[in-house]
Every structure is written in structure tokens, then in C-alpha cells.
Amino acid sequence: MPLLFAALGVLIGVVVALVYPGYIPSAYTAYVAVALLAALDSVVGAINAYARKRFRIGIFVSGFFINTLLAAFLTYVGELLQIDLYIAAIVVFGARIFQNFAELRRILLKYDRVIDKI
């Protein structure tokens, strides 16, 4: 059932993007990029949690919005201080995305079970 909702969400997102190809002003591109990376981190983390049978919708929704808002806020504060704080969010979320993909790959390949038998 959660996969159905995920597929439906992707489909709605694609349709909205095709119908309304919005323009993002260059002043907001850093905010949007960091917010998208944070959202992607939450989605990949949710897929990983689902694969491990540990998925909780409340944790996903709260993490999705809080991480996205926190990343955008860090970007805003960084611009006020003239420091590239958004790089910290990029590094952290990027590392978490790679870690979640690595765990998913191990689950899909059942690599952990092979190692346990050796």
C-alpha cells in the first residue's frame, strides 16, 4: 500500500510539473536545491526503512518537512552571514543518501546473510 501512495505521489508530481513548468528565480535556486536534497534524503530513508520493515509514517512525514525546512533555514542564515552554510546540508544529506542506498543494495543482494554464514 505505501508503494501505491508513493507511485501516486510521483505521478501527481510529474503531471503538475508538465502542466505548470514553474520558473525558479536565481535568488532561490540554492534554497530549492537544498530543500530538494533534504526531501530526497527523507524519501530514500523511508524506502530503506520500509525494506527493513521499520517504516513509520509519522517519522517520515515529520522528517520530510523538518529536514527540508531546516536545510532552507540554514541556507537563509548562511546568506545573512555571507557563509556558505548550505554546503553543510549538502554534505550531510548527500552522505545519508549514499548510506541508505548502500543499505538498500545490501538488502536487495542479501549480502549481510552471506557474510553471516562465513
PDB file of N, CA and C in Angstrom:
ATOM      1  N   MET A   1       0.810  -1.209   0.000  1.00  0.00           N
ATOM      2  CA  MET A   1       0.000   0.000   0.000  1.00  0.00           C
ATOM      3  C   MET A   1       0.855   1.277   0.000  1.00  0.00           C
ATOM      4  N   PRO A   2       1.930   1.353   0.826  1.00  0.00           N
ATOM      5  CA  PRO A   2       2.753   2.567   0.779  1.00  0.00           C
ATOM      6  C   PRO A   2       3.378   2.796  -0.598  1.00  0.00           C
ATOM      7  N   LEU A   3       3.708   1.709  -1.295  1.00  0.00           N
ATOM      8  CA  LEU A   3       4.280   1.884  -2.628  1.00  0.00           C
ATOM      9  C   LEU A   3       3.261   2.471  -3.596  1.00  0.00           C
ATOM     10  N   LEU A   4       1.998   2.132  -3.395  1.00  0.00           N
ATOM     11  CA  LEU A   4       0.941   2.703  -4.222  1.00  0.00           C
ATOM     12  C   LEU A   4       0.851   4.206  -4.004  1.00  0.00           C
ATOM     13  N   PHE A   5       0.921   4.626  -2.737  1.00  0.00           N
ATOM     14  CA  PHE A   5       0.891   6.056  -2.431  1.00  0.00           C
ATOM     15  C   PHE A   5       2.123   6.763  -2.997  1.00  0.00           C
ATOM     16  N   ALA A   6       3.276   6.114  -2.918  1.00  0.00           N
ATOM     17  CA  ALA A   6       4.495   6.713  -3.461  1.00  0.00           C
ATOM     18  C   ALA A   6       4.380   6.880  -4.975  1.00  0.00           C
ATOM     19  N   ALA A   7       3.895   5.845  -5.649  1.00  0.00           N
ATOM     20  CA  ALA A   7       3.729   5.924  -7.101  1.00  0.00           C
ATOM     21  C   ALA A   7       2.711   6.993  -7.479  1.00  0.00           C
ATOM     22  N   LEU A   8       1.639   7.070  -6.719  1.00  0.00           N
ATOM     23  CA  LEU A   8       0.627   8.096  -6.967  1.00  0.00           C
ATOM     24  C   LEU A   8       1.211   9.496  -6.762  1.00  0.00           C
ATOM     25  N   GLY A   9       2.023   9.666  -5.721  1.00  0.00           N
ATOM     26  CA  GLY A   9       2.661  10.955  -5.472  1.00  0.00           C
ATOM     27  C   GLY A   9       3.604  11.365  -6.587  1.00  0.00           C
ATOM     28  N   VAL A  10       4.370  10.402  -7.085  1.00  0.00           N
ATOM     29  CA  VAL A  10       5.274  10.683  -8.202  1.00  0.00           C
ATOM     30  C   VAL A  10       4.479  11.055  -9.446  1.00  0.00           C
ATOM     31  N   LEU A  11       3.420  10.321  -9.707  1.00  0.00           N
ATOM     32  CA  LEU A  11       2.583  10.609 -10.866  1.00  0.00           C
ATOM     33  C   LEU A  11       1.970  12.003 -10.778  1.00  0.00           C
ATOM     34  N   ILE A  12       1.451  12.358  -9.626  1.00  0.00           N
ATOM     35  CA  ILE A  12       0.885  13.696  -9.436  1.00  0.00           C
ATOM     36  C   ILE A  12       1.962  14.760  -9.625  1.00  0.00           C
ATOM     37  N   GLY A  13       3.163  14.516  -9.088  1.00  0.00           N
ATOM     38  CA  GLY A  13       4.261  15.467  -9.250  1.00  0.00           C
ATOM     39  C   GLY A  13       4.660  15.674 -10.692  1.00  0.00           C
ATOM     40  N   VAL A  14       4.703  14.589 -11.456  1.00  0.00           N
ATOM     41  CA  VAL A  14       5.060  14.691 -12.870  1.00  0.00           C
ATOM     42  C   VAL A  14       3.989  15.455 -13.643  1.00  0.00           C
ATOM     43  N   VAL A  15       2.724  15.157 -13.369  1.00  0.00           N
ATOM     44  CA  VAL A  15       1.632  15.847 -14.061  1.00  0.00           C
ATOM     45  C   VAL A  15       1.654  17.339 -13.736  1.00  0.00           C
ATOM     46  N   VAL A  16       1.832  17.680 -12.475  1.00  0.00           N
ATOM     47  CA  VAL A  16       1.882  19.093 -12.085  1.00  0.00           C
ATOM     48  C   VAL A  16       3.066  19.786 -12.761  1.00  0.00           C
ATOM     49  N   ALA A  17       4.222  19.106 -12.812  1.00  0.00           N
ATOM     50  CA  ALA A  17       5.404  19.703 -13.445  1.00  0.00           C
ATOM     51  C   ALA A  17       5.196  19.915 -14.942  1.00  0.00           C
ATOM     52  N   LEU A  18       4.471  19.000 -15.588  1.00  0.00           N
ATOM     53  CA  LEU A  18       4.225  19.152 -17.018  1.00  0.00           C
ATOM     54  C   LEU A  18       3.193  20.233 -17.309  1.00  0.00           C
ATOM     55  N   VAL A  19       2.174  20.324 -16.455  1.00  0.00           N
ATOM     56  CA  VAL A  19       1.128  21.319 -16.665  1.00  0.00           C
ATOM     57  C   VAL A  19       1.613  22.713 -16.279  1.00  0.00           C
ATOM     58  N   TYR A  20       2.379  22.803 -15.190  1.00  0.00           N
ATOM     59  CA  TYR A  20       2.853  24.092 -14.709  1.00  0.00           C
ATOM     60  C   TYR A  20       4.377  24.044 -14.572  1.00  0.00           C
ATOM     61  N   PRO A  21       5.086  24.217 -15.676  1.00  0.00           N
ATOM     62  CA  PRO A  21       6.553  24.218 -15.590  1.00  0.00           C
ATOM     63  C   PRO A  21       7.024  25.541 -14.993  1.00  0.00           C
ATOM     64  N   GLY A  22       6.990  25.643 -13.685  1.00  0.00           N
ATOM     65  CA  GLY A  22       7.300  26.886 -12.997  1.00  0.00           C
ATOM     66  C   GLY A  22       8.728  27.353 -13.207  1.00  0.00           C
ATOM     67  N   TYR A  23       8.924  28.603 -12.986  1.00  0.00           N
ATOM     68  CA  TYR A  23      10.227  29.227 -13.100  1.00  0.00           C
ATOM     69  C   TYR A  23      10.719  29.547 -11.705  1.00  0.00           C
ATOM     70  N   ILE A  24      11.939  29.165 -11.405  1.00  0.00           N
ATOM     71  CA  ILE A  24      12.534  29.446 -10.101  1.00  0.00           C
ATOM     72  C   ILE A  24      13.540  30.576 -10.286  1.00  0.00           C
ATOM     73  N   PRO A  25      13.305  31.705  -9.647  1.00  0.00           N
ATOM     74  CA  PRO A  25      14.266  32.817  -9.761  1.00  0.00           C
ATOM     75  C   PRO A  25      15.637  32.400  -9.245  1.00  0.00           C
ATOM     76  N   SER A  26      16.674  32.960  -9.829  1.00  0.00           N
ATOM     77  CA  SER A  26      18.038  32.568  -9.460  1.00  0.00           C
ATOM     78  C   SER A  26      18.350  32.844  -7.991  1.00  0.00           C
ATOM     79  N   ALA A  27      17.653  33.782  -7.379  1.00  0.00           N
ATOM     80  CA  ALA A  27      17.887  34.079  -5.970  1.00  0.00           C
ATOM     81  C   ALA A  27      17.453  32.929  -5.063  1.00  0.00           C
ATOM     82  N   TYR A  28      16.563  32.073  -5.546  1.00  0.00           N
ATOM     83  CA  TYR A  28      16.035  30.978  -4.727  1.00  0.00           C
ATOM     84  C   TYR A  28      16.577  29.611  -5.110  1.00  0.00           C
ATOM     85  N   THR A  29      17.470  29.536  -6.070  1.00  0.00           N
ATOM     86  CA  THR A  29      17.933  28.227  -6.528  1.00  0.00           C
ATOM     87  C   THR A  29      18.665  27.457  -5.438  1.00  0.00           C
ATOM     88  N   ALA A  30      19.449  28.128  -4.617  1.00  0.00           N
ATOM     89  CA  ALA A  30      20.153  27.435  -3.526  1.00  0.00           C
ATOM     90  C   ALA A  30      19.151  26.863  -2.536  1.00  0.00           C
ATOM     91  N   TYR A  31      18.102  27.616  -2.220  1.00  0.00           N
ATOM     92  CA  TYR A  31      17.078  27.131  -1.292  1.00  0.00           C
ATOM     93  C   TYR A  31      16.379  25.897  -1.845  1.00  0.00           C
ATOM     94  N   VAL A  32      16.004  25.969  -3.110  1.00  0.00           N
ATOM     95  CA  VAL A  32      15.277  24.862  -3.734  1.00  0.00           C
ATOM     96  C   VAL A  32      16.167  23.631  -3.838  1.00  0.00           C
ATOM     97  N   ALA A  33      17.422  23.827  -4.209  1.00  0.00           N
ATOM     98  CA  ALA A  33      18.338  22.691  -4.347  1.00  0.00           C
ATOM     99  C   ALA A  33      18.546  21.977  -3.018  1.00  0.00           C
ATOM    100  N   VAL A  34      18.776  22.727  -1.962  1.00  0.00           N
ATOM    101  CA  VAL A  34      18.994  22.116  -0.651  1.00  0.00           C
ATOM    102  C   VAL A  34      17.710  21.484  -0.137  1.00  0.00           C
ATOM    103  N   ALA A  35      16.593  22.132  -0.359  1.00  0.00           N
ATOM    104  CA  ALA A  35      15.315  21.559   0.081  1.00  0.00           C
ATOM    105  C   ALA A  35      15.008  20.266  -0.670  1.00  0.00           C
ATOM    106  N   LEU A  36      15.288  20.225  -1.968  1.00  0.00           N
ATOM    107  CA  LEU A  36      15.073  19.000  -2.737  1.00  0.00           C
ATOM    108  C   LEU A  36      15.996  17.877  -2.268  1.00  0.00           C
ATOM    109  N   LEU A  37      17.230  18.209  -1.954  1.00  0.00           N
ATOM    110  CA  LEU A  37      18.164  17.201  -1.453  1.00  0.00           C
ATOM    111  C   LEU A  37      17.685  16.647  -0.110  1.00  0.00           C
ATOM    112  N   ALA A  38      17.193  17.524   0.760  1.00  0.00           N
ATOM    113  CA  ALA A  38      16.662  17.072   2.048  1.00  0.00           C
ATOM    114  C   ALA A  38      15.432  16.195   1.854  1.00  0.00           C
ATOM    115  N   ALA A  39      14.567  16.575   0.937  1.00  0.00           N
ATOM    116  CA  ALA A  39      13.382  15.764   0.663  1.00  0.00           C
ATOM    117  C   ALA A  39      13.771  14.413   0.083  1.00  0.00           C
ATOM    118  N   LEU A  40      14.741  14.391  -0.824  1.00  0.00           N
ATOM    119  CA  LEU A  40      15.211  13.134  -1.392  1.00  0.00           C
ATOM    120  C   LEU A  40      15.822  12.242  -0.325  1.00  0.00           C
ATOM    121  N   ASP A  41      16.545  12.834   0.612  1.00  0.00           N
ATOM    122  CA  ASP A  41      17.101  12.065   1.726  1.00  0.00           C
ATOM    123  C   ASP A  41      15.993  11.396   2.522  1.00  0.00           C
ATOM    124  N   SER A  42      14.929  12.115   2.794  1.00  0.00           N
ATOM    125  CA  SER A  42      13.811  11.543   3.540  1.00  0.00           C
ATOM    126  C   SER A  42      13.137  10.413   2.770  1.00  0.00           C
ATOM    127  N   VAL A  43      12.973  10.580   1.483  1.00  0.00           N
ATOM    128  CA  VAL A  43      12.319   9.552   0.668  1.00  0.00           C
ATOM    129  C   VAL A  43      13.178   8.294   0.604  1.00  0.00           C
ATOM    130  N   VAL A  44      14.472   8.447   0.361  1.00  0.00           N
ATOM    131  CA  VAL A  44      15.352   7.279   0.301  1.00  0.00           C
ATOM    132  C   VAL A  44      15.434   6.610   1.673  1.00  0.00           C
ATOM    133  N   GLY A  45      15.458   7.405   2.730  1.00  0.00           N
ATOM    134  CA  GLY A  45      15.436   6.837   4.081  1.00  0.00           C
ATOM    135  C   GLY A  45      14.155   6.066   4.351  1.00  0.00           C
ATOM    136  N   ALA A  46      13.038   6.562   3.838  1.00  0.00           N
ATOM    137  CA  ALA A  46      11.765   5.864   4.011  1.00  0.00           C
ATOM    138  C   ALA A  46      11.750   4.543   3.252  1.00  0.00           C
ATOM    139  N   ILE A  47      12.309   4.541   2.057  1.00  0.00           N
ATOM    140  CA  ILE A  47      12.388   3.295   1.284  1.00  0.00           C
ATOM    141  C   ILE A  47      13.259   2.286   2.023  1.00  0.00           C
ATOM    142  N   ASN A  48      14.367   2.756   2.575  1.00  0.00           N
ATOM    143  CA  ASN A  48      15.247   1.882   3.350  1.00  0.00           C
ATOM    144  C   ASN A  48      14.522   1.336   4.584  1.00  0.00           C
ATOM    145  N   ALA A  49      13.820   2.196   5.285  1.00  0.00           N
ATOM    146  CA  ALA A  49      13.072   1.756   6.465  1.00  0.00           C
ATOM    147  C   ALA A  49      11.983   0.760   6.078  1.00  0.00           C
ATOM    148  N   TYR A  50      11.323   0.986   4.965  1.00  0.00           N
ATOM    149  CA  TYR A  50      10.291   0.061   4.502  1.00  0.00           C
ATOM    150  C   TYR A  50      10.894  -1.300   4.174  1.00  0.00           C
ATOM    151  N   ALA A  51      12.050  -1.296   3.542  1.00  0.00           N
ATOM    152  CA  ALA A  51      12.717  -2.550   3.199  1.00  0.00           C
ATOM    153  C   ALA A  51      13.131  -3.313   4.453  1.00  0.00           C
ATOM    154  N   ARG A  52      13.443  -2.594   5.516  1.00  0.00           N
ATOM    155  CA  ARG A  52      13.824  -3.228   6.788  1.00  0.00           C
ATOM    156  C   ARG A  52      12.621  -3.481   7.703  1.00  0.00           C
ATOM    157  N   LYS A  53      11.435  -3.172   7.186  1.00  0.00           N
ATOM    158  CA  LYS A  53      10.183  -3.324   7.937  1.00  0.00           C
ATOM    159  C   LYS A  53      10.167  -2.478   9.219  1.00  0.00           C
ATOM    160  N   ARG A  54      10.723  -1.276   9.111  1.00  0.00           N
ATOM    161  CA  ARG A  54      10.759  -0.332  10.236  1.00  0.00           C
ATOM    162  C   ARG A  54      10.107   1.007   9.882  1.00  0.00           C
ATOM    163  N   PHE A  55       9.376   1.049   8.785  1.00  0.00           N
ATOM    164  CA  PHE A  55       8.794   2.306   8.306  1.00  0.00           C
ATOM    165  C   PHE A  55       7.679   2.770   9.233  1.00  0.00           C
ATOM    166  N   ARG A  56       7.726   4.047   9.588  1.00  0.00           N
ATOM    167  CA  ARG A  56       6.673   4.705  10.381  1.00  0.00           C
ATOM    168  C   ARG A  56       6.318   6.002   9.671  1.00  0.00           C
ATOM    169  N   ILE A  57       5.053   6.139   9.339  1.00  0.00           N
ATOM    170  CA  ILE A  57       4.613   7.296   8.563  1.00  0.00           C
ATOM    171  C   ILE A  57       4.862   8.608   9.301  1.00  0.00           C
ATOM    172  N   GLY A  58       4.678   8.628  10.610  1.00  0.00           N
ATOM    173  CA  GLY A  58       4.907   9.856  11.382  1.00  0.00           C
ATOM    174  C   GLY A  58       6.349  10.312  11.332  1.00  0.00           C
ATOM    175  N   ILE A  59       7.266   9.357  11.426  1.00  0.00           N
ATOM    176  CA  ILE A  59       8.685   9.693  11.354  1.00  0.00           C
ATOM    177  C   ILE A  59       9.021  10.210   9.965  1.00  0.00           C
ATOM    178  N   PHE A  60       8.465   9.571   8.940  1.00  0.00           N
ATOM    179  CA  PHE A  60       8.737  10.015   7.571  1.00  0.00           C
ATOM    180  C   PHE A  60       8.220  11.429   7.333  1.00  0.00           C
ATOM    181  N   VAL A  61       6.969  11.678   7.670  1.00  0.00           N
ATOM    182  CA  VAL A  61       6.372  12.992   7.387  1.00  0.00           C
ATOM    183  C   VAL A  61       7.074  14.087   8.178  1.00  0.00           C
ATOM    184  N   SER A  62       7.315  13.840   9.467  1.00  0.00           N
ATOM    185  CA  SER A  62       7.983  14.871  10.273  1.00  0.00           C
ATOM    186  C   SER A  62       9.411  15.096   9.785  1.00  0.00           C
ATOM    187  N   GLY A  63      10.125  14.023   9.470  1.00  0.00           N
ATOM    188  CA  GLY A  63      11.486  14.173   8.964  1.00  0.00           C
ATOM    189  C   GLY A  63      11.525  14.882   7.627  1.00  0.00           C
ATOM    190  N   PHE A  64      10.566  14.566   6.771  1.00  0.00           N
ATOM    191  CA  PHE A  64      10.499  15.194   5.448  1.00  0.00           C
ATOM    192  C   PHE A  64      10.388  16.708   5.585  1.00  0.00           C
ATOM    193  N   PHE A  65       9.428  17.162   6.367  1.00  0.00           N
ATOM    194  CA  PHE A  65       9.199  18.605   6.479  1.00  0.00           C
ATOM    195  C   PHE A  65      10.239  19.303   7.343  1.00  0.00           C
ATOM    196  N   ILE A  66      10.617  18.699   8.448  1.00  0.00           N
ATOM    197  CA  ILE A  66      11.591  19.349   9.335  1.00  0.00           C
ATOM    198  C   ILE A  66      12.955  19.434   8.658  1.00  0.00           C
ATOM    199  N   ASN A  67      13.410  18.349   8.008  1.00  0.00           N
ATOM    200  CA  ASN A  67      14.704  18.388   7.318  1.00  0.00           C
ATOM    201  C   ASN A  67      14.701  19.402   6.184  1.00  0.00           C
ATOM    202  N   THR A  68      13.604  19.453   5.446  1.00  0.00           N
ATOM    203  CA  THR A  68      13.518  20.395   4.334  1.00  0.00           C
ATOM    204  C   THR A  68      13.542  21.835   4.841  1.00  0.00           C
ATOM    205  N   LEU A  69      12.764  22.117   5.862  1.00  0.00           N
ATOM    206  CA  LEU A  69      12.740  23.474   6.420  1.00  0.00           C
ATOM    207  C   LEU A  69      14.069  23.845   7.073  1.00  0.00           C
ATOM    208  N   LEU A  70      14.684  22.895   7.772  1.00  0.00           N
ATOM    209  CA  LEU A  70      15.973  23.163   8.403  1.00  0.00           C
ATOM    210  C   LEU A  70      17.049  23.449   7.360  1.00  0.00           C
ATOM    211  N   ALA A  71      17.049  22.703   6.284  1.00  0.00           N
ATOM    212  CA  ALA A  71      18.031  22.937   5.228  1.00  0.00           C
ATOM    213  C   ALA A  71      17.834  24.315   4.595  1.00  0.00           C
ATOM    214  N   ALA A  72      16.590  24.677   4.325  1.00  0.00           N
ATOM    215  CA  ALA A  72      16.317  26.006   3.760  1.00  0.00           C
ATOM    216  C   ALA A  72      16.692  27.101   4.761  1.00  0.00           C
ATOM    217  N   PHE A  73      16.422  26.869   6.045  1.00  0.00           N
ATOM    218  CA  PHE A  73      16.777  27.853   7.073  1.00  0.00           C
ATOM    219  C   PHE A  73      18.293  28.029   7.170  1.00  0.00           C
ATOM    220  N   LEU A  74      19.040  26.918   7.108  1.00  0.00           N
ATOM    221  CA  LEU A  74      20.500  27.019   7.123  1.00  0.00           C
ATOM    222  C   LEU A  74      21.001  27.831   5.928  1.00  0.00           C
ATOM    223  N   THR A  75      20.390  27.637   4.806  1.00  0.00           N
ATOM    224  CA  THR A  75      20.770  28.391   3.618  1.00  0.00           C
ATOM    225  C   THR A  75      20.497  29.879   3.820  1.00  0.00           C
ATOM    226  N   TYR A  76      19.348  30.190   4.404  1.00  0.00           N
ATOM    227  CA  TYR A  76      18.984  31.588   4.657  1.00  0.00           C
ATOM    228  C   TYR A  76      19.952  32.240   5.648  1.00  0.00           C
ATOM    229  N   VAL A  77      20.224  31.563   6.755  1.00  0.00           N
ATOM    230  CA  VAL A  77      21.149  32.111   7.753  1.00  0.00           C
ATOM    231  C   VAL A  77      22.541  32.277   7.156  1.00  0.00           C
ATOM    232  N   GLY A  78      22.940  31.310   6.353  1.00  0.00           N
ATOM    233  CA  GLY A  78      24.238  31.414   5.694  1.00  0.00           C
ATOM    234  C   GLY A  78      24.328  32.621   4.784  1.00  0.00           C
ATOM    235  N   GLU A  79      23.256  32.911   4.065  1.00  0.00           N
ATOM    236  CA  GLU A  79      23.262  34.103   3.212  1.00  0.00           C
ATOM    237  C   GLU A  79      23.329  35.380   4.036  1.00  0.00           C
ATOM    238  N   LEU A  80      22.641  35.389   5.174  1.00  0.00           N
ATOM    239  CA  LEU A  80      22.707  36.572   6.043  1.00  0.00           C
ATOM    240  C   LEU A  80      24.123  36.792   6.573  1.00  0.00           C
ATOM    241  N   LEU A  81      24.796  35.697   6.919  1.00  0.00           N
ATOM    242  CA  LEU A  81      26.150  35.780   7.470  1.00  0.00           C
ATOM    243  C   LEU A  81      27.227  35.777   6.385  1.00  0.00           C
ATOM    244  N   GLN A  82      26.795  35.650   5.138  1.00  0.00           N
ATOM    245  CA  GLN A  82      27.694  35.552   3.998  1.00  0.00           C
ATOM    246  C   GLN A  82      28.671  34.380   4.146  1.00  0.00           C
ATOM    247  N   ILE A  83      28.103  33.252   4.621  1.00  0.00           N
ATOM    248  CA  ILE A  83      28.841  31.992   4.761  1.00  0.00           C
ATOM    249  C   ILE A  83      28.034  30.931   4.027  1.00  0.00           C
ATOM    250  N   ASP A  84      28.694  30.041   3.352  1.00  0.00           N
ATOM    251  CA  ASP A  84      28.003  29.003   2.599  1.00  0.00           C
ATOM    252  C   ASP A  84      27.603  27.836   3.506  1.00  0.00           C
ATOM    253  N   LEU A  85      26.642  28.072   4.413  1.00  0.00           N
ATOM    254  CA  LEU A  85      26.179  27.027   5.325  1.00  0.00           C
ATOM    255  C   LEU A  85      25.422  25.920   4.612  1.00  0.00           C
ATOM    256  N   TYR A  86      24.904  26.211   3.439  1.00  0.00           N
ATOM    257  CA  TYR A  86      24.166  25.187   2.715  1.00  0.00           C
ATOM    258  C   TYR A  86      25.069  24.016   2.339  1.00  0.00           C
ATOM    259  N   ILE A  87      26.371  24.236   2.297  1.00  0.00           N
ATOM    260  CA  ILE A  87      27.297  23.149   1.984  1.00  0.00           C
ATOM    261  C   ILE A  87      27.245  22.080   3.066  1.00  0.00           C
ATOM    262  N   ALA A  88      27.052  22.493   4.317  1.00  0.00           N
ATOM    263  CA  ALA A  88      26.928  21.516   5.403  1.00  0.00           C
ATOM    264  C   ALA A  88      25.723  20.609   5.174  1.00  0.00           C
ATOM    265  N   ALA A  89      24.614  21.197   4.763  1.00  0.00           N
ATOM    266  CA  ALA A  89      23.420  20.391   4.489  1.00  0.00           C
ATOM    267  C   ALA A  89      23.651  19.471   3.303  1.00  0.00           C
ATOM    268  N   ILE A  90      24.320  19.955   2.278  1.00  0.00           N
ATOM    269  CA  ILE A  90      24.598  19.126   1.102  1.00  0.00           C
ATOM    270  C   ILE A  90      25.459  17.928   1.483  1.00  0.00           C
ATOM    271  N   VAL A  91      26.489  18.164   2.284  1.00  0.00           N
ATOM    272  CA  VAL A  91      27.379  17.072   2.684  1.00  0.00           C
ATOM    273  C   VAL A  91      26.625  16.045   3.530  1.00  0.00           C
ATOM    274  N   VAL A  92      25.872  16.509   4.511  1.00  0.00           N
ATOM    275  CA  VAL A  92      25.165  15.587   5.401  1.00  0.00           C
ATOM    276  C   VAL A  92      24.087  14.809   4.661  1.00  0.00           C
ATOM    277  N   PHE A  93      23.241  15.499   3.932  1.00  0.00           N
ATOM    278  CA  PHE A  93      22.162  14.801   3.221  1.00  0.00           C
ATOM    279  C   PHE A  93      22.710  13.904   2.117  1.00  0.00           C
ATOM    280  N   GLY A  94      23.758  14.364   1.435  1.00  0.00           N
ATOM    281  CA  GLY A  94      24.371  13.535   0.404  1.00  0.00           C
ATOM    282  C   GLY A  94      24.947  12.254   0.986  1.00  0.00           C
ATOM    283  N   ALA A  95      25.634  12.367   2.102  1.00  0.00           N
ATOM    284  CA  ALA A  95      26.202  11.177   2.753  1.00  0.00           C
ATOM    285  C   ALA A  95      25.101  10.223   3.207  1.00  0.00           C
ATOM    286  N   ARG A  96      24.026  10.772   3.744  1.00  0.00           N
ATOM    287  CA  ARG A  96      22.921   9.913   4.194  1.00  0.00           C
ATOM    288  C   ARG A  96      22.235   9.210   3.029  1.00  0.00           C
ATOM    289  N   ILE A  97      22.115   9.896   1.908  1.00  0.00           N
ATOM    290  CA  ILE A  97      21.509   9.268   0.730  1.00  0.00           C
ATOM    291  C   ILE A  97      22.379   8.098   0.269  1.00  0.00           C
ATOM    292  N   PHE A  98      23.685   8.306   0.188  1.00  0.00           N
ATOM    293  CA  PHE A  98      24.577   7.226  -0.213  1.00  0.00           C
ATOM    294  C   PHE A  98      24.548   6.074   0.785  1.00  0.00           C
ATOM    295  N   GLN A  99      24.477   6.381   2.072  1.00  0.00           N
ATOM    296  CA  GLN A  99      24.415   5.330   3.095  1.00  0.00           C
ATOM    297  C   GLN A  99      23.124   4.526   2.966  1.00  0.00           C
ATOM    298  N   ASN A 100      22.022   5.201   2.759  1.00  0.00           N
ATOM    299  CA  ASN A 100      20.746   4.491   2.594  1.00  0.00           C
ATOM    300  C   ASN A 100      20.740   3.626   1.341  1.00  0.00           C
ATOM    301  N   PHE A 101      21.309   4.136   0.250  1.00  0.00           N
ATOM    302  CA  PHE A 101      21.399   3.317  -0.965  1.00  0.00           C
ATOM    303  C   PHE A 101      22.296   2.100  -0.751  1.00  0.00           C
ATOM    304  N   ALA A 102      23.379   2.270   0.003  1.00  0.00           N
ATOM    305  CA  ALA A 102      24.262   1.133   0.290  1.00  0.00           C
ATOM    306  C   ALA A 102      23.519   0.077   1.101  1.00  0.00           C
ATOM    307  N   GLU A 103      22.749   0.505   2.083  1.00  0.00           N
ATOM    308  CA  GLU A 103      21.980  -0.447   2.881  1.00  0.00           C
ATOM    309  C   GLU A 103      20.910  -1.131   2.043  1.00  0.00           C
ATOM    310  N   LEU A 104      20.272  -0.382   1.173  1.00  0.00           N
ATOM    311  CA  LEU A 104      19.275  -0.983   0.276  1.00  0.00           C
ATOM    312  C   LEU A 104      19.912  -2.004  -0.660  1.00  0.00           C
ATOM    313  N   ARG A 105      21.076  -1.673  -1.160  1.00  0.00           N
ATOM    314  CA  ARG A 105      21.773  -2.605  -2.040  1.00  0.00           C
ATOM    315  C   ARG A 105      22.088  -3.905  -1.305  1.00  0.00           C
ATOM    316  N   ARG A 106      22.530  -3.790  -0.059  1.00  0.00           N
ATOM    317  CA  ARG A 106      22.815  -4.998   0.734  1.00  0.00           C
ATOM    318  C   ARG A 106      21.548  -5.811   0.978  1.00  0.00           C
ATOM    319  N   ILE A 107      20.459  -5.137   1.224  1.00  0.00           N
ATOM    320  CA  ILE A 107      19.193  -5.843   1.438  1.00  0.00           C
ATOM    321  C   ILE A 107      18.783  -6.560   0.156  1.00  0.00           C
ATOM    322  N   LEU A 108      18.860  -5.852  -0.961  1.00  0.00           N
ATOM    323  CA  LEU A 108      18.447  -6.448  -2.231  1.00  0.00           C
ATOM    324  C   LEU A 108      19.340  -7.619  -2.637  1.00  0.00           C
ATOM    325  N   LEU A 109      20.623  -7.517  -2.348  1.00  0.00           N
ATOM    326  CA  LEU A 109      21.551  -8.588  -2.701  1.00  0.00           C
ATOM    327  C   LEU A 109      21.684  -9.638  -1.599  1.00  0.00           C
ATOM    328  N   LYS A 110      21.023  -9.362  -0.465  1.00  0.00           N
ATOM    329  CA  LYS A 110      21.098 -10.254   0.701  1.00  0.00           C
ATOM    330  C   LYS A 110      22.543 -10.512   1.088  1.00  0.00           C
ATOM    331  N   TYR A 111      23.339  -9.471   0.983  1.00  0.00           N
ATOM    332  CA  TYR A 111      24.769  -9.560   1.254  1.00  0.00           C
ATOM    333  C   TYR A 111      25.042  -9.858   2.723  1.00  0.00           C
ATOM    334  N   ASP A 112      24.283  -9.255   3.618  1.00  0.00           N
ATOM    335  CA  ASP A 112      24.502  -9.458   5.044  1.00  0.00           C
ATOM    336  C   ASP A 112      24.328 -10.921   5.429  1.00  0.00           C
ATOM    337  N   ARG A 113      23.396 -11.609   4.820  1.00  0.00           N
ATOM    338  CA  ARG A 113      23.152 -13.021   5.143  1.00  0.00           C
ATOM    339  C   ARG A 113      24.311 -13.897   4.698  1.00  0.00           C
ATOM    340  N   VAL A 114      24.915 -13.567   3.574  1.00  0.00           N
ATOM    341  CA  VAL A 114      26.067 -14.332   3.095  1.00  0.00           C
ATOM    342  C   VAL A 114      27.250 -14.159   4.036  1.00  0.00           C
ATOM    343  N   ILE A 115      27.477 -12.946   4.486  1.00  0.00           N
ATOM    344  CA  ILE A 115      28.594 -12.674   5.397  1.00  0.00           C
ATOM    345  C   ILE A 115      28.402 -13.409   6.724  1.00  0.00           C
ATOM    346  N   ASP A 116      27.161 -13.474   7.212  1.00  0.00           N
ATOM    347  CA  ASP A 116      26.899 -14.150   8.476  1.00  0.00           C
ATOM    348  C   ASP A 116      27.236 -15.639   8.415  1.00  0.00           C
ATOM    349  N   LYS A 117      27.117 -16.247   7.250  1.00  0.00           N
ATOM    350  CA  LYS A 117      27.379 -17.676   7.110  1.00  0.00           C
ATOM    351  C   LYS A 117      28.860 -17.987   7.015  1.00  0.00           C
ATOM    352  N   ILE A 118      29.681 -16.980   6.687  1.00  0.00           N
ATOM    353  CA  ILE A 118      31.125 -17.222   6.517  1.00  0.00           C
ATOM    354  C   ILE A 118      31.809 -17.303   7.850  1.00  0.00           C
TER     355      ILE A 118
END
